[in-house]
């Protein structure tokens, strides 16, 4: 097992950069949602890693649990919006999401 904080921070930075790349360069709503989930998972990994290596008891795990709950709620709301967009426009392109205002 790896007992090095820098390993976990490197993995977290990789997840974060992949998530930001997916958010900025994709036009598919599902790919953008996956990018947001990657960013949230990177934050969770940071909280848990710092909690483990700084002996701060369960604070990092509690924050990670809240992030998981927020990610589940975000996924439910976002998928409802995606389904409504697909129902009205028959596409999941981000550029067409502007048409849901009317």
N, C-alpha and C. Protein backbone atom coordinates (compact mmCIF):
# COMPACT_ATOMS: atom_id res chain seq x y z
N UNK A 1 0.84 -1.18 0.00
CA UNK A 1 0.00 0.00 0.00
C UNK A 1 0.88 1.25 0.00
N UNK A 2 0.40 2.25 -0.66
CA UNK A 2 1.18 3.48 -0.79
C UNK A 2 0.87 4.39 0.40
N UNK A 3 1.89 4.77 1.13
CA UNK A 3 1.74 5.64 2.30
C UNK A 3 2.38 6.99 2.05
N UNK A 4 1.98 7.64 0.98
CA UNK A 4 2.58 8.90 0.62
C UNK A 4 1.48 9.87 0.22
N UNK A 5 1.44 11.02 0.86
CA UNK A 5 0.42 12.01 0.57
C UNK A 5 0.55 12.55 -0.84
N UNK A 6 1.76 12.67 -1.33
CA UNK A 6 1.98 13.24 -2.66
C UNK A 6 1.39 12.36 -3.76
N UNK A 7 1.37 11.07 -3.55
CA UNK A 7 0.74 10.18 -4.52
C UNK A 7 -0.74 10.49 -4.66
N UNK A 8 -1.43 10.64 -3.53
CA UNK A 8 -2.86 10.94 -3.56
C UNK A 8 -3.13 12.33 -4.12
N UNK A 9 -2.27 13.28 -3.83
CA UNK A 9 -2.44 14.63 -4.38
C UNK A 9 -2.21 14.64 -5.89
N UNK A 10 -1.29 13.82 -6.36
CA UNK A 10 -1.05 13.73 -7.80
C UNK A 10 -2.25 13.11 -8.52
N UNK A 11 -2.79 12.05 -7.95
CA UNK A 11 -3.99 11.44 -8.54
C UNK A 11 -5.14 12.42 -8.53
N UNK A 12 -5.29 13.16 -7.44
CA UNK A 12 -6.36 14.14 -7.34
C UNK A 12 -6.18 15.27 -8.36
N UNK A 13 -4.96 15.72 -8.55
CA UNK A 13 -4.70 16.76 -9.55
C UNK A 13 -4.99 16.26 -10.96
N UNK A 14 -4.67 15.00 -11.22
CA UNK A 14 -4.98 14.40 -12.52
C UNK A 14 -6.48 14.32 -12.75
N UNK A 15 -7.22 13.86 -11.74
CA UNK A 15 -8.68 13.81 -11.84
C UNK A 15 -9.28 15.20 -12.06
N UNK A 16 -8.76 16.17 -11.30
CA UNK A 16 -9.26 17.53 -11.42
C UNK A 16 -9.01 18.11 -12.81
N UNK A 17 -7.81 17.90 -13.34
CA UNK A 17 -7.50 18.44 -14.66
C UNK A 17 -8.31 17.75 -15.76
N UNK A 18 -8.52 16.46 -15.63
CA UNK A 18 -9.38 15.76 -16.60
C UNK A 18 -10.81 16.27 -16.53
N UNK A 19 -11.30 16.53 -15.33
CA UNK A 19 -12.65 17.05 -15.17
C UNK A 19 -12.81 18.44 -15.75
N UNK A 20 -11.85 19.32 -15.49
CA UNK A 20 -11.92 20.67 -16.04
C UNK A 20 -11.83 20.64 -17.56
N UNK A 21 -10.99 19.77 -18.09
CA UNK A 21 -10.88 19.63 -19.54
C UNK A 21 -12.20 19.17 -20.14
N UNK A 22 -12.85 18.21 -19.51
CA UNK A 22 -14.14 17.73 -20.01
C UNK A 22 -15.21 18.81 -19.93
N UNK A 23 -15.17 19.62 -18.88
CA UNK A 23 -16.18 20.68 -18.74
C UNK A 23 -16.01 21.74 -19.82
N UNK A 24 -14.79 22.14 -20.10
CA UNK A 24 -14.57 23.25 -21.01
C UNK A 24 -14.58 22.87 -22.49
N UNK A 25 -14.21 21.65 -22.83
CA UNK A 25 -14.04 21.32 -24.24
C UNK A 25 -15.11 20.40 -24.81
N UNK A 26 -16.08 20.00 -24.04
CA UNK A 26 -17.14 19.13 -24.54
C UNK A 26 -18.41 19.93 -24.76
N UNK A 27 -19.19 19.53 -25.76
CA UNK A 27 -20.49 20.15 -26.00
C UNK A 27 -21.63 19.22 -25.63
N UNK A 28 -21.30 17.99 -25.27
CA UNK A 28 -22.29 17.02 -24.86
C UNK A 28 -22.57 17.20 -23.37
N UNK A 29 -23.83 17.31 -23.00
CA UNK A 29 -24.18 17.57 -21.61
C UNK A 29 -23.75 16.42 -20.70
N UNK A 30 -23.87 15.20 -21.17
CA UNK A 30 -23.48 14.05 -20.36
C UNK A 30 -21.97 14.08 -20.07
N UNK A 31 -21.17 14.43 -21.05
CA UNK A 31 -19.72 14.53 -20.84
C UNK A 31 -19.39 15.65 -19.86
N UNK A 32 -20.13 16.73 -19.90
CA UNK A 32 -19.91 17.83 -18.95
C UNK A 32 -20.26 17.38 -17.53
N UNK A 33 -21.34 16.63 -17.39
CA UNK A 33 -21.71 16.11 -16.07
C UNK A 33 -20.65 15.15 -15.53
N UNK A 34 -20.09 14.34 -16.40
CA UNK A 34 -19.02 13.44 -15.97
C UNK A 34 -17.80 14.26 -15.53
N UNK A 35 -17.51 15.36 -16.23
CA UNK A 35 -16.42 16.24 -15.82
C UNK A 35 -16.65 16.85 -14.45
N UNK A 36 -17.89 17.26 -14.18
CA UNK A 36 -18.21 17.81 -12.85
C UNK A 36 -18.03 16.75 -11.78
N UNK A 37 -18.44 15.53 -12.07
CA UNK A 37 -18.26 14.43 -11.12
C UNK A 37 -16.78 14.16 -10.86
N UNK A 38 -15.95 14.25 -11.89
CA UNK A 38 -14.51 14.05 -11.69
C UNK A 38 -13.92 15.13 -10.79
N UNK A 39 -14.36 16.36 -10.97
CA UNK A 39 -13.87 17.45 -10.12
C UNK A 39 -14.29 17.22 -8.66
N UNK A 40 -15.53 16.81 -8.46
CA UNK A 40 -15.99 16.53 -7.10
C UNK A 40 -15.25 15.35 -6.47
N UNK A 41 -14.97 14.33 -7.27
CA UNK A 41 -14.21 13.19 -6.75
C UNK A 41 -12.78 13.58 -6.40
N UNK A 42 -12.19 14.49 -7.17
CA UNK A 42 -10.85 14.97 -6.84
C UNK A 42 -10.86 15.71 -5.50
N UNK A 43 -11.88 16.51 -5.28
CA UNK A 43 -11.98 17.22 -3.99
C UNK A 43 -12.17 16.23 -2.84
N UNK A 44 -12.99 15.22 -3.05
CA UNK A 44 -13.20 14.20 -2.01
C UNK A 44 -11.90 13.47 -1.69
N UNK A 45 -11.16 13.12 -2.73
CA UNK A 45 -9.88 12.43 -2.51
C UNK A 45 -8.92 13.30 -1.71
N UNK A 46 -8.90 14.59 -1.99
CA UNK A 46 -8.05 15.50 -1.21
C UNK A 46 -8.46 15.54 0.26
N UNK A 47 -9.76 15.64 0.51
CA UNK A 47 -10.23 15.69 1.90
C UNK A 47 -9.85 14.42 2.66
N UNK A 48 -10.08 13.27 2.03
CA UNK A 48 -9.79 12.01 2.71
C UNK A 48 -8.28 11.82 2.90
N UNK A 49 -7.49 12.18 1.91
CA UNK A 49 -6.04 12.03 2.03
C UNK A 49 -5.48 12.92 3.13
N UNK A 50 -5.91 14.18 3.15
CA UNK A 50 -5.40 15.07 4.20
C UNK A 50 -5.89 14.63 5.58
N UNK A 51 -7.10 14.10 5.64
CA UNK A 51 -7.61 13.61 6.92
C UNK A 51 -6.79 12.43 7.41
N UNK A 52 -6.38 11.56 6.50
CA UNK A 52 -5.61 10.38 6.90
C UNK A 52 -4.20 10.74 7.32
N UNK A 53 -3.58 11.65 6.60
CA UNK A 53 -2.17 11.95 6.86
C UNK A 53 -1.95 13.04 7.90
N UNK A 54 -2.99 13.74 8.30
CA UNK A 54 -2.82 14.76 9.34
C UNK A 54 -3.47 14.35 10.66
N UNK A 55 -4.03 13.16 10.70
CA UNK A 55 -4.65 12.63 11.92
C UNK A 55 -5.74 13.57 12.46
N UNK A 56 -6.59 14.07 11.56
CA UNK A 56 -7.67 14.96 11.99
C UNK A 56 -8.97 14.19 12.19
N UNK A 57 -8.87 12.96 12.60
CA UNK A 57 -9.99 12.08 12.91
C UNK A 57 -10.86 11.86 11.68
N UNK A 58 -12.11 12.20 11.74
CA UNK A 58 -13.02 11.89 10.63
C UNK A 58 -13.49 13.12 9.86
N UNK A 59 -12.84 14.24 10.02
CA UNK A 59 -13.32 15.45 9.35
C UNK A 59 -13.30 15.32 7.83
N UNK A 60 -12.26 14.77 7.27
CA UNK A 60 -12.17 14.61 5.83
C UNK A 60 -13.21 13.64 5.29
N UNK A 61 -13.46 12.57 6.03
CA UNK A 61 -14.46 11.60 5.60
C UNK A 61 -15.86 12.20 5.64
N UNK A 62 -16.13 13.05 6.62
CA UNK A 62 -17.44 13.70 6.70
C UNK A 62 -17.63 14.65 5.53
N UNK A 63 -16.61 15.42 5.19
CA UNK A 63 -16.70 16.31 4.03
C UNK A 63 -16.88 15.52 2.74
N UNK A 64 -16.17 14.39 2.63
CA UNK A 64 -16.31 13.55 1.44
C UNK A 64 -17.73 12.98 1.34
N UNK A 65 -18.31 12.63 2.47
CA UNK A 65 -19.70 12.14 2.46
C UNK A 65 -20.66 13.22 1.99
N UNK A 66 -20.45 14.46 2.44
CA UNK A 66 -21.29 15.56 1.98
C UNK A 66 -21.12 15.80 0.47
N UNK A 67 -19.90 15.66 -0.01
CA UNK A 67 -19.66 15.83 -1.44
C UNK A 67 -20.38 14.75 -2.24
N UNK A 68 -20.38 13.53 -1.73
CA UNK A 68 -21.10 12.44 -2.42
C UNK A 68 -22.59 12.73 -2.45
N UNK A 69 -23.14 13.23 -1.35
CA UNK A 69 -24.57 13.56 -1.30
C UNK A 69 -24.89 14.68 -2.28
N UNK A 70 -24.06 15.70 -2.32
CA UNK A 70 -24.27 16.81 -3.24
C UNK A 70 -24.15 16.35 -4.69
N UNK A 71 -23.21 15.46 -4.97
CA UNK A 71 -23.05 14.94 -6.33
C UNK A 71 -24.25 14.13 -6.76
N UNK A 72 -24.84 13.37 -5.85
CA UNK A 72 -26.03 12.59 -6.19
C UNK A 72 -27.21 13.51 -6.50
N UNK A 73 -27.38 14.55 -5.70
CA UNK A 73 -28.47 15.50 -5.95
C UNK A 73 -28.24 16.25 -7.26
N UNK A 74 -27.01 16.64 -7.51
CA UNK A 74 -26.69 17.34 -8.76
C UNK A 74 -26.94 16.45 -9.96
N UNK A 75 -26.60 15.19 -9.87
CA UNK A 75 -26.81 14.27 -10.99
C UNK A 75 -28.31 14.08 -11.25
N UNK A 76 -29.09 13.99 -10.21
CA UNK A 76 -30.54 13.81 -10.39
C UNK A 76 -31.17 15.02 -11.08
N UNK A 77 -30.83 16.21 -10.62
CA UNK A 77 -31.39 17.43 -11.22
C UNK A 77 -30.88 17.61 -12.64
N UNK A 78 -29.61 17.40 -12.85
CA UNK A 78 -29.03 17.60 -14.18
C UNK A 78 -29.58 16.58 -15.18
N UNK A 79 -29.75 15.34 -14.77
CA UNK A 79 -30.32 14.35 -15.69
C UNK A 79 -31.78 14.64 -16.02
N UNK A 80 -32.51 15.23 -15.07
CA UNK A 80 -33.89 15.66 -15.37
C UNK A 80 -33.89 16.76 -16.42
N UNK A 81 -32.94 17.69 -16.32
CA UNK A 81 -32.83 18.74 -17.32
C UNK A 81 -32.43 18.16 -18.67
N UNK A 82 -31.52 17.21 -18.67
CA UNK A 82 -31.09 16.57 -19.93
C UNK A 82 -32.26 15.85 -20.58
N UNK A 83 -33.06 15.14 -19.79
CA UNK A 83 -34.22 14.44 -20.35
C UNK A 83 -35.23 15.42 -20.94
N UNK A 84 -35.44 16.53 -20.28
CA UNK A 84 -36.37 17.55 -20.80
C UNK A 84 -35.81 18.16 -22.08
N UNK A 85 -34.53 18.43 -22.13
CA UNK A 85 -33.92 18.96 -23.35
C UNK A 85 -34.04 17.98 -24.50
N UNK A 86 -33.78 16.72 -24.22
CA UNK A 86 -33.89 15.71 -25.28
C UNK A 86 -35.33 15.54 -25.73
N UNK A 87 -36.26 15.68 -24.81
CA UNK A 87 -37.68 15.55 -25.16
C UNK A 87 -38.13 16.69 -26.06
N UNK A 88 -37.63 17.90 -25.84
CA UNK A 88 -38.09 19.03 -26.64
C UNK A 88 -37.28 19.23 -27.91
N UNK A 89 -35.96 19.03 -27.87
CA UNK A 89 -35.09 19.32 -29.01
C UNK A 89 -34.50 18.09 -29.69
N UNK A 90 -34.63 16.92 -29.07
CA UNK A 90 -34.08 15.67 -29.59
C UNK A 90 -32.56 15.74 -29.81
N UNK A 91 -31.89 16.44 -28.92
CA UNK A 91 -30.43 16.52 -28.92
C UNK A 91 -29.98 16.80 -27.49
N UNK A 92 -28.72 16.48 -27.20
CA UNK A 92 -28.16 16.81 -25.88
C UNK A 92 -26.97 17.75 -26.04
N UNK A 93 -26.99 18.54 -27.09
CA UNK A 93 -25.95 19.52 -27.34
C UNK A 93 -26.15 20.72 -26.42
N UNK A 94 -25.07 21.23 -25.85
CA UNK A 94 -25.16 22.34 -24.91
C UNK A 94 -25.69 23.60 -25.59
N UNK A 95 -25.36 23.79 -26.83
CA UNK A 95 -25.80 25.00 -27.54
C UNK A 95 -27.34 25.06 -27.64
N UNK A 96 -27.99 23.93 -27.65
CA UNK A 96 -29.45 23.91 -27.74
C UNK A 96 -30.13 24.14 -26.39
N UNK A 97 -29.38 24.10 -25.30
CA UNK A 97 -29.96 24.27 -23.96
C UNK A 97 -30.48 25.68 -23.76
N UNK A 98 -30.01 26.62 -24.52
CA UNK A 98 -30.48 28.00 -24.43
C UNK A 98 -31.95 28.10 -24.79
N UNK A 99 -32.45 27.16 -25.58
CA UNK A 99 -33.84 27.19 -26.04
C UNK A 99 -34.83 26.79 -24.95
N UNK A 100 -34.38 26.32 -23.81
CA UNK A 100 -35.29 25.91 -22.74
C UNK A 100 -35.83 27.11 -21.95
N UNK A 101 -35.33 28.29 -22.21
CA UNK A 101 -35.80 29.47 -21.48
C UNK A 101 -37.25 29.80 -21.81
N UNK A 102 -37.69 29.53 -23.00
CA UNK A 102 -39.06 29.90 -23.41
C UNK A 102 -40.07 28.92 -22.91
